[in-house]
Amino acid sequence: MEMFIYFPQPLGIPRDEIEDLLQEYLGQNGEVTGAGAGETGSNVDLEVFGNAHDHVQPIKGLLRQAGVPAGTVIVVEDQRYPVAE
């Protein structure tokens, strides 16, 4: 199941550090499949094996600890989960 994480500009930390953190968390349960950046922000794409909704809360915690900016959002099946609540 696909999961997308969108960050506003500027991210403030290297995106590859976020990718490594996410891959370490996922382990055998998924993988980072892509990333990109544009004028409005950047993103990291994940493929989660099983139900991606089950991983939203732990990933939100990891992203908060990493210091991602306000406005970061996780999207799973068109459902948006703001990281900062």
PDB file of N, CA and C in Angstrom:
ATOM      1  N   MET A   1       0.853  -1.168   0.000  1.00  0.00           N
ATOM      2  CA  MET A   1       0.000   0.000   0.000  1.00  0.00           C
ATOM      3  C   MET A   1       0.901   1.235   0.000  1.00  0.00           C
ATOM      4  N   GLU A   2       0.555   2.197  -0.828  1.00  0.00           N
ATOM      5  CA  GLU A   2       1.383   3.393  -0.960  1.00  0.00           C
ATOM      6  C   GLU A   2       1.098   4.410   0.138  1.00  0.00           C
ATOM      7  N   MET A   3       2.170   5.095   0.534  1.00  0.00           N
ATOM      8  CA  MET A   3       2.096   6.187   1.494  1.00  0.00           C
ATOM      9  C   MET A   3       2.972   7.304   0.954  1.00  0.00           C
ATOM     10  N   PHE A   4       2.483   8.522   1.028  1.00  0.00           N
ATOM     11  CA  PHE A   4       3.235   9.675   0.547  1.00  0.00           C
ATOM     12  C   PHE A   4       3.379  10.670   1.687  1.00  0.00           C
ATOM     13  N   ILE A   5       4.566  11.243   1.824  1.00  0.00           N
ATOM     14  CA  ILE A   5       4.812  12.250   2.844  1.00  0.00           C
ATOM     15  C   ILE A   5       5.235  13.521   2.121  1.00  0.00           C
ATOM     16  N   TYR A   6       4.498  14.595   2.373  1.00  0.00           N
ATOM     17  CA  TYR A   6       4.758  15.874   1.714  1.00  0.00           C
ATOM     18  C   TYR A   6       5.255  16.888   2.739  1.00  0.00           C
ATOM     19  N   PHE A   7       6.336  17.571   2.384  1.00  0.00           N
ATOM     20  CA  PHE A   7       6.958  18.571   3.239  1.00  0.00           C
ATOM     21  C   PHE A   7       6.904  19.925   2.538  1.00  0.00           C
ATOM     22  N   PRO A   8       6.572  20.992   3.270  1.00  0.00           N
ATOM     23  CA  PRO A   8       6.656  22.327   2.674  1.00  0.00           C
ATOM     24  C   PRO A   8       8.116  22.752   2.592  1.00  0.00           C
ATOM     25  N   GLN A   9       8.393  23.769   1.794  1.00  0.00           N
ATOM     26  CA  GLN A   9       9.755  24.312   1.730  1.00  0.00           C
ATOM     27  C   GLN A   9       9.905  25.338   2.821  1.00  0.00           C
ATOM     28  N   PRO A  10      11.032  25.525   3.421  1.00  0.00           N
ATOM     29  CA  PRO A  10      12.182  24.629   3.367  1.00  0.00           C
ATOM     30  C   PRO A  10      12.029  23.482   4.363  1.00  0.00           C
ATOM     31  N   LEU A  11      12.591  22.353   4.036  1.00  0.00           N
ATOM     32  CA  LEU A  11      12.502  21.180   4.900  1.00  0.00           C
ATOM     33  C   LEU A  11      13.324  21.376   6.170  1.00  0.00           C
ATOM     34  N   GLY A  12      14.489  21.989   6.047  1.00  0.00           N
ATOM     35  CA  GLY A  12      15.296  22.298   7.223  1.00  0.00           C
ATOM     36  C   GLY A  12      16.285  21.218   7.618  1.00  0.00           C
ATOM     37  N   ILE A  13      16.100  19.999   7.131  1.00  0.00           N
ATOM     38  CA  ILE A  13      17.035  18.901   7.368  1.00  0.00           C
ATOM     39  C   ILE A  13      17.183  18.144   6.056  1.00  0.00           C
ATOM     40  N   PRO A  14      18.308  17.476   5.845  1.00  0.00           N
ATOM     41  CA  PRO A  14      18.488  16.749   4.587  1.00  0.00           C
ATOM     42  C   PRO A  14      17.408  15.671   4.403  1.00  0.00           C
ATOM     43  N   ARG A  15      16.800  15.677   3.233  1.00  0.00           N
ATOM     44  CA  ARG A  15      15.743  14.702   2.958  1.00  0.00           C
ATOM     45  C   ARG A  15      16.256  13.283   3.028  1.00  0.00           C
ATOM     46  N   ASP A  16      17.520  13.048   2.633  1.00  0.00           N
ATOM     47  CA  ASP A  16      18.041  11.683   2.682  1.00  0.00           C
ATOM     48  C   ASP A  16      18.108  11.160   4.114  1.00  0.00           C
ATOM     49  N   GLU A  17      18.260  12.044   5.100  1.00  0.00           N
ATOM     50  CA  GLU A  17      18.223  11.607   6.498  1.00  0.00           C
ATOM     51  C   GLU A  17      16.825  11.115   6.869  1.00  0.00           C
ATOM     52  N   ILE A  18      15.809  11.813   6.366  1.00  0.00           N
ATOM     53  CA  ILE A  18      14.426  11.385   6.587  1.00  0.00           C
ATOM     54  C   ILE A  18      14.187  10.029   5.916  1.00  0.00           C
ATOM     55  N   GLU A  19      14.669   9.886   4.682  1.00  0.00           N
ATOM     56  CA  GLU A  19      14.509   8.624   3.963  1.00  0.00           C
ATOM     57  C   GLU A  19      15.148   7.478   4.734  1.00  0.00           C
ATOM     58  N   ASP A  20      16.370   7.693   5.236  1.00  0.00           N
ATOM     59  CA  ASP A  20      17.065   6.646   5.995  1.00  0.00           C
ATOM     60  C   ASP A  20      16.301   6.292   7.267  1.00  0.00           C
ATOM     61  N   LEU A  21      15.789   7.288   7.961  1.00  0.00           N
ATOM     62  CA  LEU A  21      15.016   7.073   9.178  1.00  0.00           C
ATOM     63  C   LEU A  21      13.772   6.232   8.891  1.00  0.00           C
ATOM     64  N   LEU A  22      13.077   6.578   7.800  1.00  0.00           N
ATOM     65  CA  LEU A  22      11.870   5.841   7.426  1.00  0.00           C
ATOM     66  C   LEU A  22      12.186   4.407   7.013  1.00  0.00           C
ATOM     67  N   GLN A  23      13.265   4.223   6.256  1.00  0.00           N
ATOM     68  CA  GLN A  23      13.632   2.870   5.832  1.00  0.00           C
ATOM     69  C   GLN A  23      14.025   2.012   7.027  1.00  0.00           C
ATOM     70  N   GLU A  24      14.732   2.611   7.964  1.00  0.00           N
ATOM     71  CA  GLU A  24      15.108   1.877   9.176  1.00  0.00           C
ATOM     72  C   GLU A  24      13.871   1.462   9.955  1.00  0.00           C
ATOM     73  N   TYR A  25      12.903   2.376  10.087  1.00  0.00           N
ATOM     74  CA  TYR A  25      11.661   2.055  10.778  1.00  0.00           C
ATOM     75  C   TYR A  25      10.918   0.918  10.064  1.00  0.00           C
ATOM     76  N   LEU A  26      10.776   1.030   8.747  1.00  0.00           N
ATOM     77  CA  LEU A  26       9.995   0.039   8.001  1.00  0.00           C
ATOM     78  C   LEU A  26      10.645  -1.337   7.991  1.00  0.00           C
ATOM     79  N   GLY A  27      11.965  -1.393   7.883  1.00  0.00           N
ATOM     80  CA  GLY A  27      12.655  -2.686   7.832  1.00  0.00           C
ATOM     81  C   GLY A  27      12.074  -3.564   6.743  1.00  0.00           C
ATOM     82  N   GLN A  28      11.631  -4.745   7.135  1.00  0.00           N
ATOM     83  CA  GLN A  28      11.046  -5.694   6.182  1.00  0.00           C
ATOM     84  C   GLN A  28       9.569  -5.423   5.905  1.00  0.00           C
ATOM     85  N   ASN A  29       9.022  -4.373   6.519  1.00  0.00           N
ATOM     86  CA  ASN A  29       7.603  -4.056   6.355  1.00  0.00           C
ATOM     87  C   ASN A  29       7.320  -3.065   5.238  1.00  0.00           C
ATOM     88  N   GLY A  30       8.357  -2.662   4.509  1.00  0.00           N
ATOM     89  CA  GLY A  30       8.145  -1.720   3.418  1.00  0.00           C
ATOM     90  C   GLY A  30       9.449  -1.126   2.948  1.00  0.00           C
ATOM     91  N   GLU A  31       9.340  -0.140   2.035  1.00  0.00           N
ATOM     92  CA  GLU A  31      10.547   0.482   1.506  1.00  0.00           C
ATOM     93  C   GLU A  31      10.250   1.881   0.983  1.00  0.00           C
ATOM     94  N   VAL A  32      11.288   2.701   1.002  1.00  0.00           N
ATOM     95  CA  VAL A  32      11.222   4.010   0.371  1.00  0.00           C
ATOM     96  C   VAL A  32      11.332   3.766  -1.130  1.00  0.00           C
ATOM     97  N   THR A  33      10.364   4.265  -1.889  1.00  0.00           N
ATOM     98  CA  THR A  33      10.349   3.992  -3.329  1.00  0.00           C
ATOM     99  C   THR A  33      10.666   5.213  -4.175  1.00  0.00           C
ATOM    100  N   GLY A  34      10.686   6.387  -3.564  1.00  0.00           N
ATOM    101  CA  GLY A  34      10.992   7.574  -4.347  1.00  0.00           C
ATOM    102  C   GLY A  34      11.002   8.813  -3.487  1.00  0.00           C
ATOM    103  N   ALA A  35      11.447   9.887  -4.100  1.00  0.00           N
ATOM    104  CA  ALA A  35      11.486  11.186  -3.423  1.00  0.00           C
ATOM    105  C   ALA A  35      11.630  12.250  -4.496  1.00  0.00           C
ATOM    106  N   GLY A  36      11.273  13.463  -4.140  1.00  0.00           N
ATOM    107  CA  GLY A  36      11.405  14.547  -5.094  1.00  0.00           C
ATOM    108  C   GLY A  36      11.283  15.887  -4.406  1.00  0.00           C
ATOM    109  N   ALA A  37      11.548  16.926  -5.180  1.00  0.00           N
ATOM    110  CA  ALA A  37      11.443  18.290  -4.667  1.00  0.00           C
ATOM    111  C   ALA A  37      11.016  19.207  -5.798  1.00  0.00           C
ATOM    112  N   GLY A  38      10.290  20.242  -5.438  1.00  0.00           N
ATOM    113  CA  GLY A  38       9.833  21.213  -6.418  1.00  0.00           C
ATOM    114  C   GLY A  38       9.683  22.563  -5.768  1.00  0.00           C
ATOM    115  N   GLU A  39       9.026  23.457  -6.463  1.00  0.00           N
ATOM    116  CA  GLU A  39       8.875  24.825  -5.973  1.00  0.00           C
ATOM    117  C   GLU A  39       8.067  24.916  -4.681  1.00  0.00           C
ATOM    118  N   THR A  40       7.112  24.023  -4.500  1.00  0.00           N
ATOM    119  CA  THR A  40       6.232  24.121  -3.336  1.00  0.00           C
ATOM    120  C   THR A  40       6.637  23.224  -2.177  1.00  0.00           C
ATOM    121  N   GLY A  41       7.631  22.376  -2.357  1.00  0.00           N
ATOM    122  CA  GLY A  41       8.054  21.498  -1.278  1.00  0.00           C
ATOM    123  C   GLY A  41       8.723  20.238  -1.787  1.00  0.00           C
ATOM    124  N   SER A  42       8.774  19.244  -0.925  1.00  0.00           N
ATOM    125  CA  SER A  42       9.397  17.979  -1.294  1.00  0.00           C
ATOM    126  C   SER A  42       8.540  16.832  -0.785  1.00  0.00           C
ATOM    127  N   ASN A  43       8.897  15.625  -1.200  1.00  0.00           N
ATOM    128  CA  ASN A  43       8.116  14.456  -0.810  1.00  0.00           C
ATOM    129  C   ASN A  43       9.007  13.225  -0.691  1.00  0.00           C
ATOM    130  N   VAL A  44       8.491  12.254   0.053  1.00  0.00           N
ATOM    131  CA  VAL A  44       9.076  10.918   0.129  1.00  0.00           C
ATOM    132  C   VAL A  44       7.926   9.948  -0.101  1.00  0.00           C
ATOM    133  N   ASP A  45       8.138   8.966  -0.971  1.00  0.00           N
ATOM    134  CA  ASP A  45       7.126   7.966  -1.292  1.00  0.00           C
ATOM    135  C   ASP A  45       7.538   6.632  -0.680  1.00  0.00           C
ATOM    136  N   LEU A  46       6.559   5.947  -0.080  1.00  0.00           N
ATOM    137  CA  LEU A  46       6.812   4.664   0.562  1.00  0.00           C
ATOM    138  C   LEU A  46       5.870   3.609   0.010  1.00  0.00           C
ATOM    139  N   GLU A  47       6.334   2.376  -0.019  1.00  0.00           N
ATOM    140  CA  GLU A  47       5.469   1.220  -0.251  1.00  0.00           C
ATOM    141  C   GLU A  47       5.484   0.441   1.055  1.00  0.00           C
ATOM    142  N   VAL A  48       4.314   0.339   1.680  1.00  0.00           N
ATOM    143  CA  VAL A  48       4.198  -0.348   2.953  1.00  0.00           C
ATOM    144  C   VAL A  48       3.503  -1.674   2.701  1.00  0.00           C
ATOM    145  N   PHE A  49       4.109  -2.740   3.173  1.00  0.00           N
ATOM    146  CA  PHE A  49       3.528  -4.067   3.005  1.00  0.00           C
ATOM    147  C   PHE A  49       2.479  -4.255   4.100  1.00  0.00           C
ATOM    148  N   GLY A  50       1.241  -4.459   3.709  1.00  0.00           N
ATOM    149  CA  GLY A  50       0.149  -4.540   4.671  1.00  0.00           C
ATOM    150  C   GLY A  50      -0.607  -3.230   4.687  1.00  0.00           C
ATOM    151  N   ASN A  51      -1.223  -2.945   5.804  1.00  0.00           N
ATOM    152  CA  ASN A  51      -2.068  -1.758   5.930  1.00  0.00           C
ATOM    153  C   ASN A  51      -1.221  -0.556   6.327  1.00  0.00           C
ATOM    154  N   ALA A  52      -1.060   0.391   5.420  1.00  0.00           N
ATOM    155  CA  ALA A  52      -0.235   1.576   5.681  1.00  0.00           C
ATOM    156  C   ALA A  52      -0.824   2.441   6.784  1.00  0.00           C
ATOM    157  N   HIS A  53      -2.144   2.419   6.944  1.00  0.00           N
ATOM    158  CA  HIS A  53      -2.774   3.221   7.999  1.00  0.00           C
ATOM    159  C   HIS A  53      -2.243   2.828   9.377  1.00  0.00           C
ATOM    160  N   ASP A  54      -1.851   1.567   9.547  1.00  0.00           N
ATOM    161  CA  ASP A  54      -1.315   1.096  10.826  1.00  0.00           C
ATOM    162  C   ASP A  54       0.027   1.732  11.161  1.00  0.00           C
ATOM    163  N   HIS A  55       0.711   2.265  10.169  1.00  0.00           N
ATOM    164  CA  HIS A  55       2.043   2.845  10.373  1.00  0.00           C
ATOM    165  C   HIS A  55       2.022   4.371  10.490  1.00  0.00           C
ATOM    166  N   VAL A  56       0.866   4.974  10.334  1.00  0.00           N
ATOM    167  CA  VAL A  56       0.795   6.445  10.340  1.00  0.00           C
ATOM    168  C   VAL A  56       1.261   7.020  11.673  1.00  0.00           C
ATOM    169  N   GLN A  57       0.736   6.542  12.781  1.00  0.00           N
ATOM    170  CA  GLN A  57       1.077   7.129  14.078  1.00  0.00           C
ATOM    171  C   GLN A  57       2.562   6.971  14.408  1.00  0.00           C
ATOM    172  N   PRO A  58       3.169   5.789  14.249  1.00  0.00           N
ATOM    173  CA  PRO A  58       4.604   5.692  14.515  1.00  0.00           C
ATOM    174  C   PRO A  58       5.444   6.585  13.603  1.00  0.00           C
ATOM    175  N   ILE A  59       5.063   6.689  12.342  1.00  0.00           N
ATOM    176  CA  ILE A  59       5.816   7.538  11.409  1.00  0.00           C
ATOM    177  C   ILE A  59       5.641   9.006  11.777  1.00  0.00           C
ATOM    178  N   LYS A  60       4.444   9.402  12.193  1.00  0.00           N
ATOM    179  CA  LYS A  60       4.247  10.778  12.655  1.00  0.00           C
ATOM    180  C   LYS A  60       5.197  11.087  13.812  1.00  0.00           C
ATOM    181  N   GLY A  61       5.341  10.154  14.743  1.00  0.00           N
ATOM    182  CA  GLY A  61       6.247  10.350  15.871  1.00  0.00           C
ATOM    183  C   GLY A  61       7.685  10.492  15.425  1.00  0.00           C
ATOM    184  N   LEU A  62       8.113   9.655  14.488  1.00  0.00           N
ATOM    185  CA  LEU A  62       9.485   9.738  13.964  1.00  0.00           C
ATOM    186  C   LEU A  62       9.735  11.071  13.278  1.00  0.00           C
ATOM    187  N   LEU A  63       8.770  11.501  12.490  1.00  0.00           N
ATOM    188  CA  LEU A  63       8.924  12.770  11.771  1.00  0.00           C
ATOM    189  C   LEU A  63       8.976  13.950  12.727  1.00  0.00           C
ATOM    190  N   ARG A  64       8.149  13.911  13.769  1.00  0.00           N
ATOM    191  CA  ARG A  64       8.186  14.987  14.765  1.00  0.00           C
ATOM    192  C   ARG A  64       9.555  15.047  15.442  1.00  0.00           C
ATOM    193  N   GLN A  65      10.071  13.876  15.836  1.00  0.00           N
ATOM    194  CA  GLN A  65      11.383  13.815  16.482  1.00  0.00           C
ATOM    195  C   GLN A  65      12.481  14.331  15.556  1.00  0.00           C
ATOM    196  N   ALA A  66      12.321  14.098  14.258  1.00  0.00           N
ATOM    197  CA  ALA A  66      13.316  14.544  13.286  1.00  0.00           C
ATOM    198  C   ALA A  66      13.237  16.056  13.061  1.00  0.00           C
ATOM    199  N   GLY A  67      12.152  16.672  13.502  1.00  0.00           N
ATOM    200  CA  GLY A  67      12.024  18.116  13.384  1.00  0.00           C
ATOM    201  C   GLY A  67      11.507  18.614  12.053  1.00  0.00           C
ATOM    202  N   VAL A  68      10.620  17.819  11.423  1.00  0.00           N
ATOM    203  CA  VAL A  68      10.059  18.273  10.148  1.00  0.00           C
ATOM    204  C   VAL A  68       9.210  19.516  10.379  1.00  0.00           C
ATOM    205  N   PRO A  69       9.064  20.358   9.361  1.00  0.00           N
ATOM    206  CA  PRO A  69       8.340  21.620   9.544  1.00  0.00           C
ATOM    207  C   PRO A  69       6.823  21.450   9.646  1.00  0.00           C
ATOM    208  N   ALA A  70       6.201  22.478  10.218  1.00  0.00           N
ATOM    209  CA  ALA A  70       4.738  22.535  10.238  1.00  0.00           C
ATOM    210  C   ALA A  70       4.249  22.482   8.797  1.00  0.00           C
ATOM    211  N   GLY A  71       3.134  21.835   8.596  1.00  0.00           N
ATOM    212  CA  GLY A  71       2.591  21.696   7.252  1.00  0.00           C
ATOM    213  C   GLY A  71       2.925  20.358   6.619  1.00  0.00           C
ATOM    214  N   THR A  72       3.771  19.559   7.280  1.00  0.00           N
ATOM    215  CA  THR A  72       4.081  18.220   6.767  1.00  0.00           C
ATOM    216  C   THR A  72       2.832  17.361   6.896  1.00  0.00           C
ATOM    217  N   VAL A  73       2.553  16.578   5.864  1.00  0.00           N
ATOM    218  CA  VAL A  73       1.355  15.745   5.856  1.00  0.00           C
ATOM    219  C   VAL A  73       1.688  14.370   5.279  1.00  0.00           C
ATOM    220  N   ILE A  74       1.034  13.342   5.835  1.00  0.00           N
ATOM    221  CA  ILE A  74       1.124  11.967   5.328  1.00  0.00           C
ATOM    222  C   ILE A  74      -0.185  11.681   4.600  1.00  0.00           C
ATOM    223  N   VAL A  75      -0.088  11.075   3.410  1.00  0.00           N
ATOM    224  CA  VAL A  75      -1.281  10.747   2.634  1.00  0.00           C
ATOM    225  C   VAL A  75      -1.298   9.247   2.350  1.00  0.00           C
ATOM    226  N   VAL A  76      -2.420   8.620   2.715  1.00  0.00           N
ATOM    227  CA  VAL A  76      -2.655   7.206   2.438  1.00  0.00           C
ATOM    228  C   VAL A  76      -4.056   7.099   1.859  1.00  0.00           C
ATOM    229  N   GLU A  77      -4.148   6.566   0.652  1.00  0.00           N
ATOM    230  CA  GLU A  77      -5.452   6.386   0.000  1.00  0.00           C
ATOM    231  C   GLU A  77      -6.301   7.656   0.058  1.00  0.00           C
ATOM    232  N   ASP A  78      -5.738   8.782  -0.293  1.00  0.00           N
ATOM    233  CA  ASP A  78      -6.439  10.067  -0.307  1.00  0.00           C
ATOM    234  C   ASP A  78      -6.846  10.559   1.084  1.00  0.00           C
ATOM    235  N   GLN A  79      -6.441   9.872   2.132  1.00  0.00           N
ATOM    236  CA  GLN A  79      -6.692  10.346   3.487  1.00  0.00           C
ATOM    237  C   GLN A  79      -5.437  11.091   3.960  1.00  0.00           C
ATOM    238  N   ARG A  80      -5.625  12.313   4.429  1.00  0.00           N
ATOM    239  CA  ARG A  80      -4.506  13.172   4.844  1.00  0.00           C
ATOM    240  C   ARG A  80      -4.365  13.142   6.363  1.00  0.00           C
ATOM    241  N   TYR A  81      -3.119  12.949   6.808  1.00  0.00           N
ATOM    242  CA  TYR A  81      -2.801  12.953   8.227  1.00  0.00           C
ATOM    243  C   TYR A  81      -1.765  14.039   8.498  1.00  0.00           C
ATOM    244  N   PRO A  82      -2.156  15.187   9.052  1.00  0.00           N
ATOM    245  CA  PRO A  82      -1.163  16.202   9.409  1.00  0.00           C
ATOM    246  C   PRO A  82      -0.213  15.647  10.462  1.00  0.00           C
ATOM    247  N   VAL A  83       1.064  15.946  10.316  1.00  0.00           N
ATOM    248  CA  VAL A  83       2.045  15.434  11.275  1.00  0.00           C
ATOM    249  C   VAL A  83       1.968  16.205  12.582  1.00  0.00           C
ATOM    250  N   ALA A  84       1.805  17.512  12.513  1.00  0.00           N
ATOM    251  CA  ALA A  84       1.677  18.325  13.721  1.00  0.00           C
ATOM    252  C   ALA A  84       0.207  18.492  14.045  1.00  0.00           C
ATOM    253  N   GLU A  85      -0.186  18.065  15.225  1.00  0.00           N
ATOM    254  CA  GLU A  85      -1.600  18.182  15.616  1.00  0.00           C
ATOM    255  C   GLU A  85      -1.722  19.058  16.832  1.00  0.00           C
TER     256      GLU A  85
END
